N, C-alpha and C. Protein backbone atom coordinates (compact mmCIF):
# COMPACT_ATOMS: atom_id res chain seq x y z
N SER A 1 38.14 -4.46 33.26
CA SER A 1 39.34 -4.59 32.46
C SER A 1 38.98 -4.43 30.99
N ARG A 2 40.00 -4.23 30.22
CA ARG A 2 39.84 -4.01 28.77
C ARG A 2 39.22 -5.24 28.10
N MET A 3 39.62 -6.43 28.53
CA MET A 3 39.11 -7.67 27.94
C MET A 3 37.62 -7.83 28.23
N GLU A 4 37.20 -7.52 29.44
CA GLU A 4 35.79 -7.60 29.79
C GLU A 4 34.96 -6.60 28.98
N ASP A 5 35.51 -5.39 28.77
CA ASP A 5 34.82 -4.38 27.96
C ASP A 5 34.64 -4.87 26.53
N LEU A 6 35.68 -5.50 25.98
CA LEU A 6 35.60 -6.04 24.63
C LEU A 6 34.54 -7.13 24.54
N LYS A 7 34.52 -8.03 25.53
CA LYS A 7 33.54 -9.11 25.54
C LYS A 7 32.12 -8.55 25.65
N GLN A 8 31.97 -7.52 26.50
CA GLN A 8 30.66 -6.90 26.67
C GLN A 8 30.23 -6.21 25.37
N GLY A 9 31.17 -5.55 24.72
CA GLY A 9 30.89 -4.89 23.44
C GLY A 9 30.49 -5.90 22.38
N GLU A 10 31.13 -7.04 22.36
CA GLU A 10 30.78 -8.10 21.41
C GLU A 10 29.37 -8.61 21.69
N GLY A 11 29.01 -8.72 22.96
CA GLY A 11 27.67 -9.16 23.34
C GLY A 11 26.60 -8.18 22.88
N VAL A 12 26.89 -6.89 23.03
CA VAL A 12 25.96 -5.86 22.59
C VAL A 12 25.81 -5.93 21.07
N GLN A 13 26.94 -6.06 20.38
CA GLN A 13 26.92 -6.14 18.92
C GLN A 13 26.11 -7.36 18.46
N GLN A 14 26.31 -8.48 19.11
CA GLN A 14 25.59 -9.70 18.77
C GLN A 14 24.09 -9.52 19.03
N SER A 15 23.74 -8.88 20.14
CA SER A 15 22.33 -8.62 20.44
C SER A 15 21.70 -7.72 19.38
N LEU A 16 22.44 -6.71 18.95
CA LEU A 16 21.93 -5.82 17.90
C LEU A 16 21.71 -6.57 16.59
N GLN A 17 22.64 -7.44 16.24
CA GLN A 17 22.52 -8.22 15.01
C GLN A 17 21.30 -9.15 15.08
N ILE A 18 21.09 -9.78 16.22
CA ILE A 18 19.93 -10.66 16.39
C ILE A 18 18.64 -9.86 16.30
N SER A 19 18.60 -8.70 16.95
CA SER A 19 17.42 -7.84 16.93
C SER A 19 17.11 -7.38 15.50
N GLU A 20 18.15 -6.95 14.77
CA GLU A 20 17.96 -6.50 13.39
C GLU A 20 17.46 -7.65 12.52
N SER A 21 18.00 -8.82 12.72
CA SER A 21 17.58 -9.99 11.95
C SER A 21 16.11 -10.32 12.22
N LEU A 22 15.69 -10.24 13.48
CA LEU A 22 14.30 -10.50 13.83
C LEU A 22 13.35 -9.47 13.20
N HIS A 23 13.75 -8.20 13.25
CA HIS A 23 12.92 -7.15 12.66
C HIS A 23 12.78 -7.35 11.15
N ARG A 24 13.88 -7.61 10.48
CA ARG A 24 13.82 -7.82 9.03
C ARG A 24 13.00 -9.05 8.70
N GLY A 25 13.14 -10.11 9.50
CA GLY A 25 12.36 -11.32 9.28
C GLY A 25 10.87 -11.06 9.42
N ALA A 26 10.50 -10.27 10.43
CA ALA A 26 9.08 -9.94 10.64
C ALA A 26 8.54 -9.12 9.47
N ILE A 27 9.33 -8.17 8.98
CA ILE A 27 8.91 -7.34 7.85
C ILE A 27 8.75 -8.20 6.60
N GLU A 28 9.70 -9.09 6.37
CA GLU A 28 9.62 -9.96 5.20
C GLU A 28 8.45 -10.94 5.32
N ALA A 29 8.07 -11.30 6.53
CA ALA A 29 6.94 -12.22 6.73
C ALA A 29 5.63 -11.62 6.23
N ILE A 30 5.53 -10.30 6.23
CA ILE A 30 4.32 -9.64 5.70
C ILE A 30 4.56 -9.15 4.27
N ASP A 31 5.57 -9.72 3.63
CA ASP A 31 5.95 -9.34 2.27
C ASP A 31 6.28 -7.86 2.17
N GLY A 32 6.88 -7.32 3.21
CA GLY A 32 7.28 -5.93 3.21
C GLY A 32 8.71 -5.76 2.74
N ILE A 33 9.00 -4.58 2.19
CA ILE A 33 10.34 -4.24 1.75
C ILE A 33 10.78 -3.02 2.57
N PRO A 34 11.65 -3.24 3.55
CA PRO A 34 12.08 -2.12 4.39
C PRO A 34 13.02 -1.19 3.63
N TYR A 35 12.99 0.08 4.01
CA TYR A 35 13.93 1.03 3.41
C TYR A 35 14.31 2.13 4.39
N HIS A 36 15.42 2.78 4.08
CA HIS A 36 15.90 3.94 4.82
C HIS A 36 16.34 4.94 3.77
N ARG A 37 15.61 6.05 3.67
CA ARG A 37 15.93 7.07 2.68
C ARG A 37 16.52 8.29 3.38
N ASP A 38 17.67 8.73 2.89
CA ASP A 38 18.39 9.89 3.41
C ASP A 38 18.07 11.08 2.50
N TYR A 39 17.54 12.16 3.07
CA TYR A 39 17.15 13.31 2.25
C TYR A 39 18.32 14.22 1.90
N ASP A 40 19.32 14.32 2.78
CA ASP A 40 20.47 15.19 2.49
C ASP A 40 21.22 14.71 1.25
N SER A 41 21.44 13.40 1.15
CA SER A 41 22.17 12.87 0.01
C SER A 41 21.25 12.34 -1.09
N ASN A 42 19.92 12.36 -0.83
CA ASN A 42 18.92 11.89 -1.78
C ASN A 42 19.22 10.47 -2.28
N VAL A 43 19.47 9.57 -1.34
CA VAL A 43 19.72 8.15 -1.66
C VAL A 43 18.99 7.28 -0.67
N TYR A 44 18.83 6.03 -1.05
CA TYR A 44 18.34 5.03 -0.12
C TYR A 44 19.56 4.40 0.53
N ARG A 45 19.70 4.61 1.84
CA ARG A 45 20.81 3.99 2.57
C ARG A 45 20.61 2.48 2.63
N TYR A 46 19.33 2.07 2.61
CA TYR A 46 19.01 0.64 2.59
C TYR A 46 17.68 0.46 1.87
N ILE A 47 17.62 -0.59 1.05
CA ILE A 47 16.35 -1.01 0.44
C ILE A 47 16.35 -2.53 0.43
N GLY A 48 15.24 -3.12 0.84
CA GLY A 48 15.16 -4.57 0.99
C GLY A 48 15.25 -5.33 -0.33
N ASN A 49 15.53 -6.62 -0.20
CA ASN A 49 15.73 -7.50 -1.36
C ASN A 49 14.55 -7.56 -2.31
N GLY A 50 13.34 -7.42 -1.81
CA GLY A 50 12.15 -7.59 -2.64
C GLY A 50 11.89 -6.49 -3.64
N ILE A 51 12.70 -5.44 -3.64
CA ILE A 51 12.43 -4.29 -4.52
C ILE A 51 12.47 -4.69 -5.99
N GLN A 52 13.36 -5.62 -6.34
CA GLN A 52 13.44 -6.02 -7.75
C GLN A 52 12.20 -6.81 -8.17
N GLU A 53 11.73 -7.68 -7.32
CA GLU A 53 10.51 -8.44 -7.64
C GLU A 53 9.30 -7.50 -7.75
N LEU A 54 9.26 -6.49 -6.90
CA LEU A 54 8.13 -5.56 -6.90
C LEU A 54 8.16 -4.62 -8.11
N THR A 55 9.34 -4.06 -8.41
CA THR A 55 9.42 -2.99 -9.41
C THR A 55 10.18 -3.34 -10.68
N GLY A 56 11.01 -4.38 -10.61
CA GLY A 56 11.87 -4.70 -11.75
C GLY A 56 13.22 -4.00 -11.69
N TYR A 57 13.39 -3.12 -10.71
CA TYR A 57 14.67 -2.42 -10.53
C TYR A 57 15.45 -3.08 -9.40
N SER A 58 16.76 -3.23 -9.60
CA SER A 58 17.59 -3.86 -8.57
C SER A 58 17.83 -2.89 -7.42
N GLN A 59 18.37 -3.41 -6.33
CA GLN A 59 18.70 -2.56 -5.18
C GLN A 59 19.68 -1.47 -5.58
N ASP A 60 20.62 -1.79 -6.47
CA ASP A 60 21.61 -0.80 -6.91
C ASP A 60 20.99 0.27 -7.81
N GLU A 61 19.96 -0.10 -8.58
CA GLU A 61 19.31 0.85 -9.49
C GLU A 61 18.29 1.73 -8.78
N TRP A 62 17.77 1.28 -7.63
CA TRP A 62 16.67 1.95 -6.95
C TRP A 62 17.14 3.25 -6.31
N THR A 63 16.59 4.37 -6.77
CA THR A 63 16.90 5.69 -6.21
C THR A 63 15.59 6.46 -6.04
N PRO A 64 15.61 7.53 -5.26
CA PRO A 64 14.40 8.36 -5.17
C PRO A 64 13.94 8.89 -6.54
N ASP A 65 14.89 9.18 -7.42
CA ASP A 65 14.52 9.67 -8.76
C ASP A 65 13.83 8.58 -9.57
N VAL A 66 14.32 7.33 -9.48
CA VAL A 66 13.67 6.23 -10.19
C VAL A 66 12.26 6.05 -9.64
N PHE A 67 12.12 6.07 -8.31
CA PHE A 67 10.80 5.93 -7.70
C PHE A 67 9.86 7.01 -8.22
N GLY A 68 10.33 8.25 -8.19
CA GLY A 68 9.50 9.36 -8.67
C GLY A 68 9.11 9.21 -10.13
N SER A 69 9.98 8.63 -10.94
CA SER A 69 9.71 8.53 -12.38
C SER A 69 8.72 7.43 -12.73
N ILE A 70 8.48 6.47 -11.83
CA ILE A 70 7.56 5.38 -12.16
C ILE A 70 6.18 5.53 -11.53
N VAL A 71 6.01 6.59 -10.73
CA VAL A 71 4.72 6.81 -10.07
C VAL A 71 3.73 7.40 -11.07
N LEU A 72 2.59 6.72 -11.22
CA LEU A 72 1.53 7.18 -12.11
C LEU A 72 0.43 7.90 -11.33
N GLU A 73 0.21 7.48 -10.08
CA GLU A 73 -0.85 8.04 -9.26
C GLU A 73 -0.44 7.90 -7.80
N ARG A 74 -0.84 8.87 -6.98
CA ARG A 74 -0.50 8.84 -5.55
C ARG A 74 -1.71 9.22 -4.73
N ASN A 75 -1.99 8.42 -3.69
CA ASN A 75 -3.04 8.73 -2.73
C ASN A 75 -2.39 8.89 -1.37
N ASN A 76 -2.39 10.11 -0.82
CA ASN A 76 -1.79 10.34 0.49
C ASN A 76 -2.76 9.97 1.59
N LEU A 77 -2.22 9.33 2.62
CA LEU A 77 -3.00 8.96 3.79
C LEU A 77 -2.25 9.43 5.04
N ASP A 78 -1.60 10.59 4.94
CA ASP A 78 -0.69 11.06 5.99
C ASP A 78 -1.40 11.56 7.24
N SER A 79 -0.65 11.47 8.35
CA SER A 79 -1.00 12.15 9.60
C SER A 79 0.27 12.87 10.03
N LEU A 80 0.27 13.44 11.23
CA LEU A 80 1.44 14.23 11.64
C LEU A 80 2.72 13.40 11.77
N ASP A 81 2.65 12.25 12.40
CA ASP A 81 3.87 11.47 12.65
C ASP A 81 3.99 10.24 11.76
N GLU A 82 3.04 10.08 10.87
CA GLU A 82 3.08 8.93 9.97
C GLU A 82 2.94 9.42 8.55
N TRP A 83 3.71 8.84 7.68
CA TRP A 83 3.59 9.15 6.26
C TRP A 83 3.14 7.88 5.58
N ASN A 84 1.90 7.84 5.19
CA ASN A 84 1.36 6.67 4.52
C ASN A 84 0.80 7.11 3.18
N ALA A 85 1.09 6.33 2.17
CA ALA A 85 0.60 6.65 0.83
C ALA A 85 0.46 5.36 0.03
N GLU A 86 -0.38 5.44 -0.98
CA GLU A 86 -0.52 4.35 -1.94
C GLU A 86 -0.12 4.91 -3.29
N PHE A 87 0.65 4.14 -4.02
CA PHE A 87 1.14 4.57 -5.32
C PHE A 87 0.77 3.56 -6.39
N LEU A 88 0.30 4.06 -7.53
CA LEU A 88 0.19 3.22 -8.72
C LEU A 88 1.47 3.46 -9.48
N ILE A 89 2.21 2.38 -9.72
CA ILE A 89 3.51 2.51 -10.40
C ILE A 89 3.51 1.72 -11.70
N LYS A 90 4.42 2.10 -12.56
CA LYS A 90 4.67 1.34 -13.78
C LYS A 90 6.03 0.68 -13.59
N THR A 91 6.04 -0.65 -13.53
CA THR A 91 7.28 -1.37 -13.27
C THR A 91 8.21 -1.29 -14.49
N TYR A 92 9.42 -1.78 -14.31
CA TYR A 92 10.43 -1.78 -15.37
C TYR A 92 9.90 -2.48 -16.62
N SER A 93 9.12 -3.55 -16.42
CA SER A 93 8.58 -4.32 -17.55
C SER A 93 7.33 -3.68 -18.15
N GLY A 94 6.81 -2.63 -17.52
CA GLY A 94 5.63 -1.95 -18.03
C GLY A 94 4.34 -2.32 -17.33
N ALA A 95 4.39 -3.30 -16.43
CA ALA A 95 3.19 -3.70 -15.69
C ALA A 95 2.82 -2.61 -14.69
N LYS A 96 1.52 -2.50 -14.38
CA LYS A 96 1.07 -1.54 -13.38
C LYS A 96 0.81 -2.27 -12.08
N LYS A 97 1.30 -1.70 -10.98
CA LYS A 97 1.11 -2.27 -9.66
C LYS A 97 0.81 -1.16 -8.67
N TRP A 98 0.02 -1.53 -7.66
CA TRP A 98 -0.23 -0.62 -6.53
C TRP A 98 0.70 -1.01 -5.40
N ILE A 99 1.35 -0.02 -4.79
CA ILE A 99 2.17 -0.28 -3.61
C ILE A 99 1.76 0.65 -2.48
N ALA A 100 1.85 0.12 -1.26
CA ALA A 100 1.60 0.92 -0.06
C ALA A 100 2.95 1.28 0.54
N ASP A 101 3.07 2.50 0.99
CA ASP A 101 4.29 2.98 1.63
C ASP A 101 3.91 3.50 3.02
N ALA A 102 4.40 2.81 4.05
CA ALA A 102 4.18 3.25 5.43
C ALA A 102 5.53 3.68 5.98
N ALA A 103 5.67 4.97 6.28
CA ALA A 103 6.98 5.51 6.67
C ALA A 103 6.87 6.38 7.91
N ARG A 104 8.00 6.57 8.53
CA ARG A 104 8.12 7.46 9.68
C ARG A 104 9.28 8.41 9.43
N PRO A 105 9.09 9.69 9.73
CA PRO A 105 10.19 10.64 9.54
C PRO A 105 11.26 10.46 10.62
N VAL A 106 12.49 10.71 10.21
CA VAL A 106 13.62 10.75 11.14
C VAL A 106 14.06 12.21 11.19
N LYS A 107 14.06 12.79 12.40
CA LYS A 107 14.35 14.21 12.53
C LYS A 107 15.67 14.44 13.24
N ASP A 108 16.32 15.56 12.91
CA ASP A 108 17.53 15.94 13.64
C ASP A 108 17.15 16.68 14.92
N LYS A 109 18.13 17.20 15.62
CA LYS A 109 17.89 17.86 16.91
C LYS A 109 16.99 19.09 16.79
N THR A 110 16.98 19.71 15.61
CA THR A 110 16.17 20.92 15.41
C THR A 110 14.75 20.60 14.96
N GLY A 111 14.48 19.33 14.70
CA GLY A 111 13.15 18.93 14.26
C GLY A 111 13.01 18.82 12.76
N LYS A 112 14.10 19.09 12.04
CA LYS A 112 14.08 19.00 10.58
C LYS A 112 14.09 17.51 10.17
N VAL A 113 13.23 17.17 9.21
CA VAL A 113 13.19 15.79 8.72
C VAL A 113 14.43 15.58 7.83
N ILE A 114 15.24 14.60 8.23
CA ILE A 114 16.47 14.33 7.50
C ILE A 114 16.43 12.98 6.76
N ALA A 115 15.45 12.15 7.12
CA ALA A 115 15.36 10.83 6.51
C ALA A 115 13.99 10.24 6.80
N THR A 116 13.70 9.14 6.15
CA THR A 116 12.53 8.35 6.49
C THR A 116 12.93 6.89 6.53
N ILE A 117 12.25 6.17 7.41
CA ILE A 117 12.36 4.72 7.41
C ILE A 117 10.96 4.21 7.15
N GLY A 118 10.86 3.17 6.35
CA GLY A 118 9.53 2.71 6.01
C GLY A 118 9.50 1.32 5.43
N ILE A 119 8.31 0.94 5.02
CA ILE A 119 8.08 -0.38 4.44
C ILE A 119 7.20 -0.21 3.21
N LEU A 120 7.62 -0.82 2.11
CA LEU A 120 6.82 -0.86 0.89
C LEU A 120 6.17 -2.23 0.79
N ARG A 121 4.90 -2.26 0.34
CA ARG A 121 4.20 -3.55 0.16
C ARG A 121 3.39 -3.51 -1.13
N ASP A 122 3.32 -4.63 -1.81
CA ASP A 122 2.50 -4.77 -3.01
C ASP A 122 1.05 -4.96 -2.58
N ILE A 123 0.18 -4.03 -2.97
CA ILE A 123 -1.25 -4.13 -2.62
C ILE A 123 -2.12 -4.23 -3.87
N THR A 124 -1.53 -4.67 -4.97
CA THR A 124 -2.26 -4.77 -6.23
C THR A 124 -3.48 -5.66 -6.10
N ARG A 125 -3.32 -6.87 -5.53
CA ARG A 125 -4.45 -7.79 -5.39
C ARG A 125 -5.54 -7.19 -4.50
N GLN A 126 -5.16 -6.53 -3.43
CA GLN A 126 -6.13 -5.89 -2.54
C GLN A 126 -6.92 -4.82 -3.28
N LYS A 127 -6.24 -4.02 -4.09
CA LYS A 127 -6.92 -2.97 -4.87
C LYS A 127 -7.89 -3.58 -5.88
N GLN A 128 -7.46 -4.68 -6.54
CA GLN A 128 -8.34 -5.35 -7.49
C GLN A 128 -9.57 -5.90 -6.77
N PHE A 129 -9.38 -6.49 -5.62
CA PHE A 129 -10.48 -7.04 -4.83
C PHE A 129 -11.44 -5.92 -4.42
N ASP A 130 -10.90 -4.79 -3.97
CA ASP A 130 -11.74 -3.65 -3.59
C ASP A 130 -12.57 -3.16 -4.78
N ARG A 131 -11.94 -3.10 -5.96
CA ARG A 131 -12.65 -2.67 -7.17
C ARG A 131 -13.78 -3.64 -7.52
N GLU A 132 -13.51 -4.95 -7.38
CA GLU A 132 -14.53 -5.96 -7.67
C GLU A 132 -15.71 -5.86 -6.70
N ILE A 133 -15.43 -5.58 -5.44
CA ILE A 133 -16.50 -5.43 -4.43
C ILE A 133 -17.37 -4.23 -4.80
N ILE A 134 -16.76 -3.13 -5.20
CA ILE A 134 -17.52 -1.94 -5.59
C ILE A 134 -18.40 -2.26 -6.79
N GLN A 135 -17.86 -2.99 -7.78
CA GLN A 135 -18.66 -3.36 -8.95
C GLN A 135 -19.83 -4.25 -8.55
N LEU A 136 -19.60 -5.19 -7.65
CA LEU A 136 -20.68 -6.06 -7.18
C LEU A 136 -21.75 -5.26 -6.45
N GLN A 137 -21.33 -4.30 -5.64
CA GLN A 137 -22.29 -3.46 -4.92
C GLN A 137 -23.13 -2.64 -5.91
N ARG A 138 -22.50 -2.15 -6.97
CA ARG A 138 -23.24 -1.39 -7.99
C ARG A 138 -24.25 -2.28 -8.69
N LEU A 139 -23.82 -3.50 -9.04
CA LEU A 139 -24.75 -4.43 -9.70
C LEU A 139 -25.93 -4.76 -8.80
N ARG A 140 -25.64 -4.97 -7.53
CA ARG A 140 -26.70 -5.26 -6.56
C ARG A 140 -27.69 -4.10 -6.49
N ALA A 141 -27.15 -2.87 -6.42
CA ALA A 141 -28.01 -1.69 -6.35
C ALA A 141 -28.87 -1.57 -7.60
N LYS A 142 -28.27 -1.84 -8.78
CA LYS A 142 -29.04 -1.79 -10.02
C LYS A 142 -30.13 -2.86 -10.02
N GLY A 143 -29.83 -4.05 -9.53
CA GLY A 143 -30.81 -5.12 -9.44
C GLY A 143 -31.96 -4.75 -8.54
N GLU A 144 -31.65 -4.15 -7.38
CA GLU A 144 -32.69 -3.73 -6.44
C GLU A 144 -33.55 -2.63 -7.05
N LEU A 145 -32.91 -1.71 -7.77
CA LEU A 145 -33.65 -0.63 -8.42
C LEU A 145 -34.58 -1.20 -9.50
N SER A 146 -34.06 -2.13 -10.30
CA SER A 146 -34.87 -2.76 -11.35
C SER A 146 -36.06 -3.50 -10.75
N ALA A 147 -35.82 -4.22 -9.66
CA ALA A 147 -36.91 -4.96 -9.01
C ALA A 147 -37.97 -3.99 -8.49
N GLY A 148 -37.56 -2.87 -7.94
CA GLY A 148 -38.50 -1.87 -7.43
C GLY A 148 -39.31 -1.25 -8.55
N VAL A 149 -38.65 -0.91 -9.66
CA VAL A 149 -39.35 -0.32 -10.81
C VAL A 149 -40.34 -1.34 -11.36
N SER A 150 -39.90 -2.59 -11.50
CA SER A 150 -40.76 -3.65 -12.01
C SER A 150 -42.00 -3.82 -11.12
N HIS A 151 -41.80 -3.80 -9.82
CA HIS A 151 -42.91 -3.96 -8.87
C HIS A 151 -43.90 -2.79 -9.02
N ASN A 152 -43.37 -1.58 -9.12
CA ASN A 152 -44.23 -0.41 -9.28
C ASN A 152 -45.01 -0.45 -10.59
N LEU A 153 -44.35 -0.84 -11.67
CA LEU A 153 -45.05 -0.96 -12.97
C LEU A 153 -46.15 -2.01 -12.88
N ASN A 154 -45.84 -3.11 -12.22
CA ASN A 154 -46.83 -4.18 -12.05
C ASN A 154 -48.05 -3.65 -11.30
N ASN A 155 -47.82 -2.86 -10.26
CA ASN A 155 -48.95 -2.28 -9.50
C ASN A 155 -49.77 -1.35 -10.38
N ILE A 156 -49.12 -0.54 -11.19
CA ILE A 156 -49.83 0.39 -12.08
C ILE A 156 -50.65 -0.39 -13.10
N LEU A 157 -50.00 -1.41 -13.71
CA LEU A 157 -50.70 -2.22 -14.72
C LEU A 157 -51.88 -2.96 -14.12
N THR A 158 -51.74 -3.45 -12.90
CA THR A 158 -52.86 -4.14 -12.24
C THR A 158 -54.02 -3.17 -12.06
N GLY A 159 -53.68 -1.93 -11.69
CA GLY A 159 -54.72 -0.91 -11.52
C GLY A 159 -55.43 -0.60 -12.83
N ILE A 160 -54.73 -0.70 -13.94
CA ILE A 160 -55.33 -0.40 -15.26
C ILE A 160 -56.03 -1.64 -15.83
N LEU A 161 -55.35 -2.78 -15.79
CA LEU A 161 -55.88 -3.99 -16.42
C LEU A 161 -57.04 -4.60 -15.64
N GLY A 162 -57.06 -4.45 -14.32
CA GLY A 162 -58.15 -5.00 -13.51
C GLY A 162 -59.50 -4.47 -13.96
N PRO A 163 -59.69 -3.14 -13.95
CA PRO A 163 -60.97 -2.59 -14.40
C PRO A 163 -61.23 -2.88 -15.89
N ALA A 164 -60.19 -2.90 -16.72
CA ALA A 164 -60.37 -3.17 -18.16
C ALA A 164 -60.92 -4.57 -18.36
N GLN A 165 -60.47 -5.53 -17.58
CA GLN A 165 -60.99 -6.90 -17.71
C GLN A 165 -62.44 -6.98 -17.25
N MET A 166 -62.83 -6.19 -16.28
CA MET A 166 -64.23 -6.20 -15.81
C MET A 166 -65.17 -5.64 -16.86
N LEU A 167 -64.66 -4.73 -17.68
CA LEU A 167 -65.49 -4.14 -18.73
C LEU A 167 -65.79 -5.14 -19.85
N GLN A 168 -64.99 -6.15 -19.99
CA GLN A 168 -65.18 -7.10 -21.08
C GLN A 168 -66.37 -7.95 -20.88
């Protein structure tokens, strides 16, 4: 009956809302900002709440053109079905931050990419930590090199000073 169909439709709608809420909650738990970008209209159909905290731009201000204008550096990590990149951006306030973008293409029936869905995350602290590890590794290597040179010089000097002391 029509009433049963309506009740069933409401149940499906409720299930979809619960599922969407769980997905968004999981994304937010990893400090992710979900988005849906439409290429035909060149707009973000959806951008998560955290975009303002990350970039200084509100959800209403955030457009593909704004994103493009604040990118200072881009590192692509793409594969065929995944679009992953890291961006160094200049926020609205002028601060520099690294963000990771993990996206998937949405294709039409002909295989043309018409949109992407993805997650943006702030990876500034991770990048700083990686840089500090590299600096520590360089310092360690310099220390090991210095110790080796010092040891070799000591061996040479012992070879010279030993016989010189015997001559005295």
